[in-house]
N, C-alpha and C. Protein backbone atom coordinates (compact mmCIF):
# COMPACT_ATOMS: atom_id res chain seq x y z
N MET A 1 160.72 82.40 84.06
CA MET A 1 160.66 83.96 85.13
C MET A 1 159.90 84.92 85.44
N ARG A 2 159.51 85.34 86.04
CA ARG A 2 158.58 85.99 86.46
C ARG A 2 158.89 87.64 87.73
N VAL A 3 157.70 88.12 87.35
CA VAL A 3 158.79 89.54 88.45
C VAL A 3 157.50 89.84 89.16
N HIS A 4 157.78 89.80 90.20
CA HIS A 4 157.18 90.52 91.26
C HIS A 4 156.94 91.55 91.61
N TYR A 5 156.15 92.33 91.70
CA TYR A 5 156.29 93.95 92.57
C TYR A 5 155.78 94.11 93.75
N ASP A 6 156.13 94.14 95.03
CA ASP A 6 155.37 94.34 96.43
C ASP A 6 155.25 95.64 96.38
N GLN A 7 154.67 96.77 95.92
CA GLN A 7 154.42 98.03 95.81
C GLN A 7 154.26 98.29 97.55
N GLU A 8 153.64 97.77 98.84
CA GLU A 8 153.75 98.20 99.93
C GLU A 8 155.17 98.56 100.97
N VAL A 9 156.03 97.67 100.42
CA VAL A 9 157.69 97.92 100.65
C VAL A 9 158.95 97.54 99.62
N ASP A 10 157.73 98.06 98.71
CA ASP A 10 158.66 98.70 97.35
C ASP A 10 159.96 97.89 96.89
N ALA A 11 159.76 96.52 97.17
CA ALA A 11 160.41 95.43 96.39
C ALA A 11 159.56 94.52 95.20
N VAL A 12 161.43 94.46 94.34
CA VAL A 12 160.88 93.47 92.80
C VAL A 12 161.70 92.47 93.11
N TYR A 13 160.89 91.51 92.77
CA TYR A 13 161.61 90.44 93.31
C TYR A 13 161.71 89.08 91.49
N ILE A 14 162.33 89.18 91.59
CA ILE A 14 162.47 88.67 89.53
C ILE A 14 163.17 86.83 90.02
N GLN A 15 161.97 85.87 90.10
CA GLN A 15 162.30 85.10 90.21
C GLN A 15 162.46 84.03 88.80
N LEU A 16 163.29 83.35 88.61
CA LEU A 16 164.45 82.91 87.59
C LEU A 16 164.21 81.62 87.72
N ASP A 17 163.57 80.38 87.98
CA ASP A 17 163.25 78.67 88.58
C ASP A 17 161.86 78.82 89.14
N ASP A 18 161.80 77.76 89.42
CA ASP A 18 160.83 77.80 90.56
C ASP A 18 162.15 76.64 91.81
N SER A 19 162.81 76.14 91.63
CA SER A 19 164.23 75.76 91.96
C SER A 19 164.01 76.20 93.83
N ILE A 20 164.04 76.00 95.43
CA ILE A 20 164.09 76.23 96.62
C ILE A 20 165.67 76.96 96.94
N PRO A 21 165.09 78.41 97.09
CA PRO A 21 166.62 78.47 97.29
C PRO A 21 167.33 78.14 98.91
N ASP A 22 167.86 78.14 99.36
CA ASP A 22 168.66 77.87 100.21
C ASP A 22 169.87 78.48 100.77
N GLY A 23 169.91 79.75 100.24
CA GLY A 23 171.14 80.61 100.67
C GLY A 23 171.24 82.23 99.60
N VAL A 24 171.54 83.22 100.27
CA VAL A 24 171.36 84.50 99.36
C VAL A 24 172.59 85.47 99.70
N VAL A 25 172.67 85.39 98.55
CA VAL A 25 173.91 86.49 98.60
C VAL A 25 173.91 88.68 98.07
N GLU A 26 174.22 89.14 98.87
CA GLU A 26 173.87 90.29 98.96
C GLU A 26 175.24 90.70 98.22
N THR A 27 174.82 91.34 97.24
CA THR A 27 175.43 92.19 96.22
C THR A 27 175.90 93.53 96.52
N LYS A 28 174.71 94.39 96.79
CA LYS A 28 175.18 95.37 97.03
C LYS A 28 173.66 95.58 97.93
N GLU A 29 174.53 97.15 98.76
CA GLU A 29 173.39 97.28 99.32
C GLU A 29 171.27 97.47 98.91
N GLY A 30 170.87 95.97 99.16
CA GLY A 30 169.58 96.27 99.00
C GLY A 30 169.44 95.29 97.76
N VAL A 31 170.22 94.37 97.38
CA VAL A 31 169.99 93.67 96.28
C VAL A 31 171.36 92.34 96.51
N ASN A 32 169.63 91.62 97.10
CA ASN A 32 170.42 90.15 97.41
C ASN A 32 170.01 88.69 95.70
N ILE A 33 171.07 88.13 96.04
CA ILE A 33 171.06 86.68 94.75
C ILE A 33 170.72 85.83 95.52
N ASP A 34 169.76 85.46 95.29
CA ASP A 34 169.16 83.98 95.68
C ASP A 34 169.61 82.58 95.41
N THR A 35 170.30 81.99 95.85
CA THR A 35 170.66 80.51 95.23
C THR A 35 170.74 79.14 95.79
N THR A 36 170.84 78.26 94.92
CA THR A 36 170.51 76.71 95.85
C THR A 36 172.32 76.35 95.85
N GLU A 37 171.90 75.25 96.90
CA GLU A 37 173.21 74.57 97.75
C GLU A 37 174.63 74.43 96.64
N ASP A 38 173.97 73.94 94.94
CA ASP A 38 174.55 73.76 94.67
C ASP A 38 175.12 74.59 92.90
N GLY A 39 174.80 76.26 93.64
CA GLY A 39 175.12 77.70 92.71
C GLY A 39 174.02 78.20 92.04
N ARG A 40 173.15 77.12 91.99
CA ARG A 40 172.42 77.60 90.96
C ARG A 40 171.82 79.05 91.01
N LEU A 41 171.52 80.39 89.93
CA LEU A 41 169.96 81.25 90.95
C LEU A 41 169.01 81.22 90.82
N THR A 42 168.39 81.25 91.45
CA THR A 42 166.87 80.95 91.79
C THR A 42 166.03 82.47 91.63
N GLY A 43 167.60 83.52 92.46
CA GLY A 43 166.04 84.99 92.43
C GLY A 43 166.14 85.67 92.21
N ILE A 44 166.23 86.97 92.00
CA ILE A 44 166.81 88.62 92.45
C ILE A 44 165.82 89.15 93.42
N GLU A 45 166.34 89.85 94.16
CA GLU A 45 165.07 90.88 94.95
C GLU A 45 166.43 92.06 94.80
N ILE A 46 164.90 92.80 94.98
CA ILE A 46 165.61 94.13 94.47
C ILE A 46 165.33 95.55 95.78
N LEU A 47 165.56 96.06 96.97
CA LEU A 47 165.45 96.15 97.92
C LEU A 47 164.65 98.15 97.31
N ASN A 48 163.58 99.07 97.42
CA ASN A 48 163.69 100.06 97.55
C ASN A 48 164.34 100.11 96.14
N ALA A 49 163.17 99.45 95.09
CA ALA A 49 163.41 99.61 93.90
C ALA A 49 163.34 100.40 93.29
N SER A 50 162.07 101.21 93.25
CA SER A 50 161.73 102.35 92.76
C SER A 50 162.87 103.20 92.26
N LYS A 51 163.48 103.52 93.75
CA LYS A 51 164.87 104.49 93.21
C LYS A 51 166.00 103.60 92.92
N LYS A 52 166.22 102.59 92.23
CA LYS A 52 167.14 101.99 92.05
C LYS A 52 166.90 101.42 90.25
N MET A 53 165.60 101.59 89.95
CA MET A 53 165.27 100.76 88.98
C MET A 53 164.05 102.11 88.03
N ASN A 54 164.25 101.95 86.11
CA ASN A 54 162.82 102.10 86.52
C ASN A 54 161.94 100.92 86.28
N LEU A 55 161.09 101.37 86.57
CA LEU A 55 160.08 100.07 87.24
C LEU A 55 158.90 99.66 86.25
N ASN A 56 158.59 100.86 85.57
CA ASN A 56 157.45 100.73 84.01
C ASN A 56 158.15 100.07 83.15
N ARG A 57 159.58 99.93 83.56
CA ARG A 57 160.75 98.92 82.07
C ARG A 57 160.08 97.91 82.56
N ILE A 58 160.91 97.28 84.18
CA ILE A 58 160.78 96.04 84.13
C ILE A 58 159.22 95.25 84.88
N LEU A 59 159.21 96.05 84.50
CA LEU A 59 156.89 95.45 84.93
C LEU A 59 156.42 95.67 83.65
N SER A 60 157.20 95.78 82.83
CA SER A 60 156.57 95.84 81.06
C SER A 60 157.76 94.46 80.48
N TYR A 61 156.87 93.78 79.46
CA TYR A 61 157.75 93.39 78.43
C TYR A 61 158.19 92.98 77.68
N THR A 62 159.08 92.40 77.11
CA THR A 62 159.50 91.79 75.51
C THR A 62 159.53 90.93 75.56
N LEU A 63 159.14 89.25 74.28
CA LEU A 63 159.06 89.53 74.06
C LEU A 63 159.81 88.98 72.58
N GLU A 64 161.30 88.59 72.45
CA GLU A 64 161.81 87.63 71.34
C GLU A 64 161.95 86.76 70.97
N PHE A 65 161.35 86.10 69.33
CA PHE A 65 161.62 84.87 69.30
C PHE A 65 161.92 84.59 68.33
N ASP A 66 162.29 83.84 67.55
CA ASP A 66 163.15 83.68 66.27
C ASP A 66 162.25 82.23 65.90
N VAL A 67 160.91 83.03 64.37
CA VAL A 67 160.25 82.20 64.34
C VAL A 67 160.81 80.59 62.83
N LEU A 68 161.39 81.17 62.10
CA LEU A 68 162.72 80.35 61.95
C LEU A 68 162.80 79.03 62.47
N SER A 69 163.75 78.86 63.36
CA SER A 69 164.55 78.42 63.85
C SER A 69 163.43 77.45 64.77
N PHE A 70 162.74 77.33 65.06
CA PHE A 70 161.31 76.30 64.70
C PHE A 70 161.38 75.26 64.37
N ALA A 71 161.24 76.17 62.43
CA ALA A 71 161.69 75.07 61.93
C ALA A 71 162.63 74.34 61.23
N HIS A 72 163.99 74.86 62.30
CA HIS A 72 165.25 74.36 61.76
C HIS A 72 165.83 75.01 59.98
N SER A 73 166.15 76.57 60.44
CA SER A 73 166.17 77.15 58.88
C SER A 73 166.80 78.38 59.77
N PRO A 74 167.50 79.34 59.12
CA PRO A 74 168.67 79.87 59.65
C PRO A 74 167.40 81.26 60.17
N PRO A 75 168.12 81.89 61.20
CA PRO A 75 168.11 82.74 61.65
C PRO A 75 167.73 83.94 61.12
N GLU A 76 166.54 84.35 60.44
CA GLU A 76 167.25 86.06 59.27
C GLU A 76 165.35 86.59 60.08
N GLN A 77 164.60 86.16 60.57
CA GLN A 77 163.35 87.11 60.85
C GLN A 77 163.19 86.83 62.97
N VAL A 78 163.29 87.73 62.79
CA VAL A 78 162.69 87.87 65.50
C VAL A 78 162.11 88.59 64.50
N HIS A 79 160.98 87.82 65.74
CA HIS A 79 159.96 88.48 65.86
C HIS A 79 159.42 89.07 66.96
N ARG A 80 158.95 90.80 67.75
CA ARG A 80 159.00 91.07 68.77
C ARG A 80 157.58 91.32 69.42
N ILE A 81 157.20 90.82 70.42
CA ILE A 81 156.14 90.74 70.96
C ILE A 81 156.14 91.98 72.47
N GLU A 82 156.00 93.03 72.67
CA GLU A 82 155.55 94.43 73.35
C GLU A 82 154.16 94.05 74.07
N ALA A 83 154.26 94.21 75.85
CA ALA A 83 153.04 94.12 76.65
C ALA A 83 153.45 95.40 77.69
């Protein structure tokens, strides 16, 4: 997943995968979901983003992963990295 912000047009694009979209569904004014022919979601576009969301929150990230799951052990410990 990648998040792009274009300050010039105040738009956020959340790219969910590398598939090439061939359709778009507008869910609300200025909120569009890109889709493939088989219905997979490829991205989300948010226009006038600074008025619809906290940009600081979307442009920072938190990664959570379970170190023990890599060793096939019960998930007892979650590590968090914030940037």
